[in-house]
Amino acid sequence: MTKKISSKRDLPNSFSLEKYDDLENMSDKDLFRQLYWRCDDLTIKNTDCPDYGLQYGAKYPLNNNFGDPFGELKAEEWFLEKQKEYEYKTQPDLLKLSYGDGIKPLMRFELAFLNKINADKGHWKGKPIVVDDDLVGDLFTADNGMFWAVMREPVNLLSDVVENVMISVDLNNRDDLLIEAFTNLLPKWREELGIPEPDKPVSGDWESVRRKIIDYRIIPLIDLMSWESATDSKISLGVLAVSLFPDGEKESFAIAQTVKPFLDKIIRSDSLDKIRKELS
């Protein structure tokens, strides 16, 4: 049952806005680290230590799982040893193709996954997406037009379980032609598959973003919301207002309409990646 937090007195004793005073004078990279290391705190419940961030304030320690976003700080020794063990166990690393954000080569993982799925749409609804030679042979022999109707069905239209778009790219074409085709096809695929384009990352340069992180009290807000989630509580906007803005700089309406929407955008991976690249 959700516990309503309607008074500042109901917040954990570990919360103190003064713990975050050092954020104002931090270097750009150190301030970003404090945000970056908290990026999962709103989605993963820390029930073992609900007020973890509140305890540390502006001194939130390096998150071993994420490491340093700038590659300048080392993780704890025990974690580095675990990494070495994992890297040893995953050897040998034989075949690789380059990949980028949102684009990677088809791997055996995907093929093994497809091999277990039945189509829930299309001409062969209920049959495996990956058809065997006997079924294909029977289709071809029948010579009734079904061979091409079945074999040319796009995999992504056969089952909603298939999340990534399965495509083939012919690199024998010139780059400019491929880029033009991809640009034209993207909006069509989104419409045909019902996948909306994601919101754009946070706008503005780092200076304006930095100012908002501090002025909107984004770091302590994350810690309070993380505690809220881990304890199945619900902090009222009024309590957030008096706790984060004791001098009345922001009221409940501003938190709901301005501060929280900014937090939702800044904590996304594409926004964090954009800022990291700008500061690197």
Protein backbone atom coordinates (compact mmCIF):
# COMPACT_ATOMS: atom_id res chain seq x y z
CA MET A 1 0.00 0.00 0.00
CA THR A 2 1.37 3.40 -0.99
CA LYS A 3 2.24 5.71 1.89
CA LYS A 4 1.41 9.35 1.26
CA ILE A 5 4.10 11.81 2.32
CA SER A 6 2.20 15.00 3.10
CA SER A 7 4.69 16.59 5.47
CA LYS A 8 8.40 17.29 5.29
CA ARG A 9 8.69 15.59 8.70
CA ASP A 10 7.83 12.29 7.00
CA LEU A 11 10.95 12.40 4.83
CA PRO A 12 13.95 10.32 5.96
CA ASN A 13 16.32 11.94 8.44
CA SER A 14 19.15 11.50 5.96
CA PHE A 15 17.68 14.19 3.70
CA SER A 16 19.34 17.57 4.02
CA LEU A 17 19.45 20.11 1.23
CA GLU A 18 22.77 21.38 2.58
CA LYS A 19 24.42 18.11 1.50
CA TYR A 20 24.01 19.31 -2.09
CA ASP A 21 25.57 22.77 -1.67
CA ASP A 22 28.85 21.64 -3.27
CA LEU A 23 27.10 20.97 -6.60
CA GLU A 24 27.17 24.69 -7.40
CA ASN A 25 30.98 24.86 -7.43
CA MET A 26 31.72 21.48 -8.99
CA SER A 27 33.56 21.20 -12.27
CA ASP A 28 31.40 20.43 -15.28
CA LYS A 29 32.57 16.82 -15.39
CA ASP A 30 32.07 16.21 -11.68
CA LEU A 31 28.54 17.63 -11.78
CA PHE A 32 27.73 15.45 -14.77
CA ARG A 33 29.13 12.41 -12.93
CA GLN A 34 26.70 13.03 -10.07
CA LEU A 35 23.86 12.94 -12.58
CA TYR A 36 25.24 10.07 -14.67
CA TRP A 37 25.81 7.70 -11.75
CA ARG A 38 22.19 8.21 -10.68
CA CYS A 39 20.71 7.45 -14.11
CA ASP A 40 19.14 4.14 -13.01
CA ASP A 41 17.97 5.32 -9.60
CA LEU A 42 14.48 6.19 -10.84
CA THR A 43 13.89 2.86 -12.60
CA ILE A 44 15.56 0.34 -10.27
CA LYS A 45 14.29 0.13 -6.70
CA ASN A 46 17.09 0.17 -4.15
CA THR A 47 15.14 -1.58 -1.39
CA ASP A 48 18.34 -2.56 0.44
CA CYS A 49 19.23 1.10 0.98
CA PRO A 50 16.32 3.32 -0.07
CA ASP A 51 18.02 6.57 0.96
CA TYR A 52 21.39 5.75 -0.61
CA GLY A 53 21.59 8.98 -2.61
CA LEU A 54 20.24 11.07 0.26
CA GLN A 55 23.06 9.81 2.49
CA TYR A 56 25.76 10.94 0.07
CA GLY A 57 24.27 14.15 -1.33
CA ALA A 58 26.82 15.79 -3.63
CA LYS A 59 29.35 13.02 -2.88
CA TYR A 60 27.56 10.13 -4.61
CA PRO A 61 30.34 7.56 -5.22
CA LEU A 62 31.44 6.13 -8.54
CA ASN A 63 28.91 3.59 -9.82
CA ASN A 64 30.93 0.51 -10.72
CA ASN A 65 28.31 -0.71 -13.17
CA PHE A 66 28.57 2.48 -15.23
CA GLY A 67 32.17 3.42 -14.59
CA ASP A 68 33.45 6.91 -15.22
CA PRO A 69 31.71 8.47 -18.25
CA PHE A 70 34.99 10.14 -19.20
CA GLY A 71 37.30 7.19 -18.56
CA GLU A 72 39.36 9.19 -16.07
CA LEU A 73 38.42 7.47 -12.79
CA LYS A 74 38.98 3.83 -11.96
CA ALA A 75 36.35 1.52 -10.52
CA GLU A 76 36.99 -0.23 -7.22
CA GLU A 77 39.63 -2.94 -7.28
CA TRP A 78 37.20 -5.79 -6.56
CA PHE A 79 35.06 -4.74 -9.51
CA LEU A 80 38.05 -4.55 -11.84
CA GLU A 81 39.01 -8.09 -10.80
CA LYS A 82 35.49 -9.31 -11.58
CA GLN A 83 35.74 -7.64 -14.98
CA LYS A 84 38.99 -9.46 -15.70
CA GLU A 85 37.39 -12.78 -14.74
CA TYR A 86 34.44 -12.09 -17.04
CA GLU A 87 36.67 -11.04 -19.94
CA TYR A 88 38.69 -14.23 -19.50
CA LYS A 89 35.54 -16.39 -19.50
CA THR A 90 34.20 -14.71 -22.64
CA GLN A 91 37.35 -15.43 -24.61
CA PRO A 92 37.99 -16.08 -27.41
CA ASP A 93 36.49 -13.04 -29.11
CA LEU A 94 36.75 -14.16 -32.72
CA LEU A 95 34.47 -12.40 -35.19
CA LYS A 96 33.32 -8.78 -35.04
CA LEU A 97 31.50 -6.25 -37.17
CA SER A 98 31.31 -2.59 -36.20
CA TYR A 99 28.05 -1.21 -34.83
CA GLY A 100 26.61 2.11 -33.69
CA ASP A 101 23.69 3.60 -31.78
CA GLY A 102 20.55 1.75 -32.83
CA ILE A 103 22.31 -0.18 -35.62
CA LYS A 104 24.15 -3.48 -35.27
CA PRO A 105 24.74 -6.55 -37.42
CA LEU A 106 22.38 -9.52 -37.20
CA MET A 107 23.79 -12.09 -34.79
CA ARG A 108 23.10 -15.71 -34.00
CA PHE A 109 21.18 -14.54 -30.93
CA GLU A 110 18.50 -13.04 -33.18
CA LEU A 111 18.43 -16.06 -35.47
CA ALA A 112 18.06 -18.46 -32.53
CA PHE A 113 15.25 -16.26 -31.19
CA LEU A 114 13.43 -16.16 -34.53
CA ASN A 115 13.76 -19.91 -34.89
CA LYS A 116 11.54 -20.42 -31.83
CA ILE A 117 8.71 -18.05 -32.79
CA ASN A 118 5.51 -18.85 -34.63
CA ALA A 119 3.88 -16.26 -36.86
CA ASP A 120 0.71 -14.74 -35.43
CA LYS A 121 -0.05 -12.92 -38.68
CA GLY A 122 0.37 -13.53 -42.39
CA HIS A 123 -0.48 -16.39 -44.73
CA TRP A 124 1.15 -19.00 -42.51
CA LYS A 125 -0.25 -17.83 -39.21
CA GLY A 126 0.55 -20.35 -36.48
CA LYS A 127 3.51 -21.85 -38.33
CA PRO A 128 7.18 -21.16 -37.49
CA ILE A 129 8.58 -17.91 -38.87
CA VAL A 130 11.68 -19.83 -39.97
CA VAL A 131 10.24 -22.48 -42.29
CA ASP A 132 12.01 -25.75 -43.07
CA ASP A 133 12.98 -27.03 -46.51
CA ASP A 134 10.10 -29.53 -46.75
CA LEU A 135 7.43 -26.85 -46.27
CA VAL A 136 9.16 -24.53 -48.71
CA GLY A 137 9.43 -27.35 -51.24
CA ASP A 138 5.73 -28.16 -50.96
CA LEU A 139 4.88 -24.50 -51.51
CA PHE A 140 7.08 -24.25 -54.57
CA THR A 141 5.73 -27.48 -56.07
CA ALA A 142 2.11 -26.36 -55.61
CA ASP A 143 2.83 -23.50 -58.04
CA ASN A 144 -0.24 -21.52 -56.92
CA GLY A 145 1.41 -18.20 -56.11
CA MET A 146 1.65 -18.88 -52.37
CA PHE A 147 5.40 -19.49 -52.46
CA TRP A 148 6.22 -15.85 -53.13
CA ALA A 149 3.35 -14.59 -50.95
CA VAL A 150 4.74 -16.49 -47.96
CA MET A 151 8.48 -16.19 -48.53
CA ARG A 152 8.43 -12.42 -49.11
CA GLU A 153 6.51 -11.57 -45.92
CA PRO A 154 8.54 -9.13 -43.78
CA VAL A 155 9.52 -10.76 -40.50
CA ASN A 156 8.48 -7.70 -38.49
CA LEU A 157 4.89 -8.00 -39.72
CA LEU A 158 4.60 -11.65 -38.67
CA SER A 159 4.91 -11.17 -34.91
CA ASP A 160 4.89 -8.27 -32.48
CA VAL A 161 7.48 -10.13 -30.41
CA VAL A 162 10.16 -9.14 -32.93
CA GLU A 163 11.21 -5.70 -31.68
CA ASN A 164 14.13 -4.63 -33.87
CA VAL A 165 13.52 -4.09 -37.58
CA MET A 166 15.06 -6.96 -39.53
CA ILE A 167 16.51 -5.57 -42.76
CA SER A 168 19.24 -6.42 -45.24
CA VAL A 169 21.64 -3.80 -46.57
CA ASP A 170 23.38 -4.26 -49.91
CA LEU A 171 26.76 -2.54 -49.54
CA ASN A 172 27.35 -2.89 -53.26
CA ASN A 173 25.25 0.28 -53.56
CA ARG A 174 26.85 3.70 -53.15
CA ASP A 175 26.72 5.28 -49.70
CA ASP A 176 24.68 8.28 -50.86
CA LEU A 177 22.02 5.99 -52.33
CA LEU A 178 21.83 3.90 -49.17
CA ILE A 179 21.57 7.00 -46.97
CA GLU A 180 18.86 8.49 -49.18
CA ALA A 181 16.86 5.23 -49.15
CA PHE A 182 17.24 4.83 -45.39
CA THR A 183 16.16 8.44 -44.80
CA ASN A 184 13.05 7.96 -46.94
CA LEU A 185 12.18 4.57 -45.44
CA LEU A 186 12.50 5.47 -41.76
CA PRO A 187 9.23 7.45 -41.49
CA LYS A 188 7.43 4.85 -43.61
CA TRP A 189 8.61 1.98 -41.40
CA ARG A 190 7.60 3.87 -38.27
CA GLU A 191 4.12 4.40 -39.68
CA GLU A 192 3.75 0.82 -40.95
CA LEU A 193 4.97 -0.71 -37.68
CA GLY A 194 3.31 1.81 -35.37
CA ILE A 195 6.59 2.87 -33.77
CA PRO A 196 6.65 6.62 -33.05
CA GLU A 197 9.88 8.56 -33.28
CA PRO A 198 11.39 9.02 -29.79
CA ASP A 199 11.47 12.47 -28.26
CA LYS A 200 14.61 14.45 -28.97
CA PRO A 201 17.29 14.67 -26.27
CA VAL A 202 17.52 17.66 -23.99
CA SER A 203 18.04 20.87 -25.95
CA GLY A 204 20.49 23.68 -25.32
CA ASP A 205 24.20 23.75 -24.65
CA TRP A 206 25.81 22.47 -21.48
CA GLU A 207 25.89 25.88 -19.79
CA SER A 208 22.12 26.23 -19.92
CA VAL A 209 21.60 22.58 -18.95
CA ARG A 210 24.02 22.92 -16.02
CA ARG A 211 22.17 25.96 -14.75
CA LYS A 212 18.86 24.08 -14.82
CA ILE A 213 20.32 21.02 -13.07
CA ILE A 214 21.34 23.26 -10.18
CA ASP A 215 18.42 25.70 -10.16
CA TYR A 216 15.82 22.94 -10.46
CA ARG A 217 17.54 20.90 -7.71
CA ILE A 218 17.61 17.91 -10.06
CA ILE A 219 20.13 15.86 -8.05
CA PRO A 220 18.30 15.98 -4.69
CA LEU A 221 15.01 15.49 -6.55
CA ILE A 222 16.34 12.23 -8.01
CA ASP A 223 17.38 11.04 -4.56
CA LEU A 224 13.98 11.87 -3.06
CA MET A 225 12.13 10.17 -5.90
CA SER A 226 14.42 7.13 -5.63
CA TRP A 227 13.61 6.85 -1.92
CA GLU A 228 9.93 7.37 -2.74
CA SER A 229 9.97 4.47 -5.21
CA ALA A 230 11.98 2.11 -3.00
CA THR A 231 9.65 2.64 -0.02
CA ASP A 232 6.39 2.59 -1.99
CA SER A 233 5.70 6.15 -0.89
CA LYS A 234 4.21 9.15 -2.68
CA ILE A 235 5.69 12.55 -1.91
CA SER A 236 3.22 15.34 -2.55
CA LEU A 237 4.25 18.20 -4.81
CA GLY A 238 3.83 20.53 -1.87
CA VAL A 239 6.36 18.59 0.21
CA LEU A 240 8.80 18.56 -2.71
CA ALA A 241 8.36 22.31 -3.08
CA VAL A 242 9.11 23.20 0.56
CA SER A 243 11.92 20.60 0.78
CA LEU A 244 13.77 21.54 -2.40
CA PHE A 245 12.90 25.24 -2.54
CA PRO A 246 12.60 26.42 1.07
CA ASP A 247 12.85 30.06 -0.03
CA GLY A 248 9.89 29.68 -2.36
CA GLU A 249 11.80 29.79 -5.67
CA LYS A 250 9.54 27.08 -7.11
CA GLU A 251 6.01 26.04 -6.16
CA SER A 252 4.04 22.86 -6.76
CA PHE A 253 2.85 23.95 -10.19
CA ALA A 254 6.39 24.67 -11.41
CA ILE A 255 7.61 21.29 -10.16
CA ALA A 256 4.86 19.49 -12.05
CA GLN A 257 5.04 21.55 -15.24
CA THR A 258 8.73 22.46 -15.52
CA VAL A 259 11.05 20.65 -13.12
CA LYS A 260 9.83 17.06 -13.48
CA PRO A 261 9.51 17.21 -17.30
CA PHE A 262 13.10 18.49 -17.44
CA LEU A 263 14.23 15.62 -15.20
CA ASP A 264 12.45 13.09 -17.41
CA LYS A 265 14.32 14.43 -20.43
CA ILE A 266 17.76 14.97 -18.89
CA ILE A 267 17.96 11.48 -17.34
CA ARG A 268 17.38 9.69 -20.65
CA SER A 269 20.34 7.85 -22.16
CA ASP A 270 20.38 9.94 -25.35
CA SER A 271 20.48 13.18 -23.35
CA LEU A 272 23.27 11.87 -21.12
CA ASP A 273 25.22 10.70 -24.15
CA LYS A 274 24.82 14.09 -25.83
CA ILE A 275 26.15 15.91 -22.76
CA ARG A 276 28.99 13.42 -22.25
CA LYS A 277 30.19 13.99 -25.80
CA GLU A 278 30.00 17.76 -25.36
CA LEU A 279 32.11 17.63 -22.20
CA SER A 280 34.66 15.07 -23.45
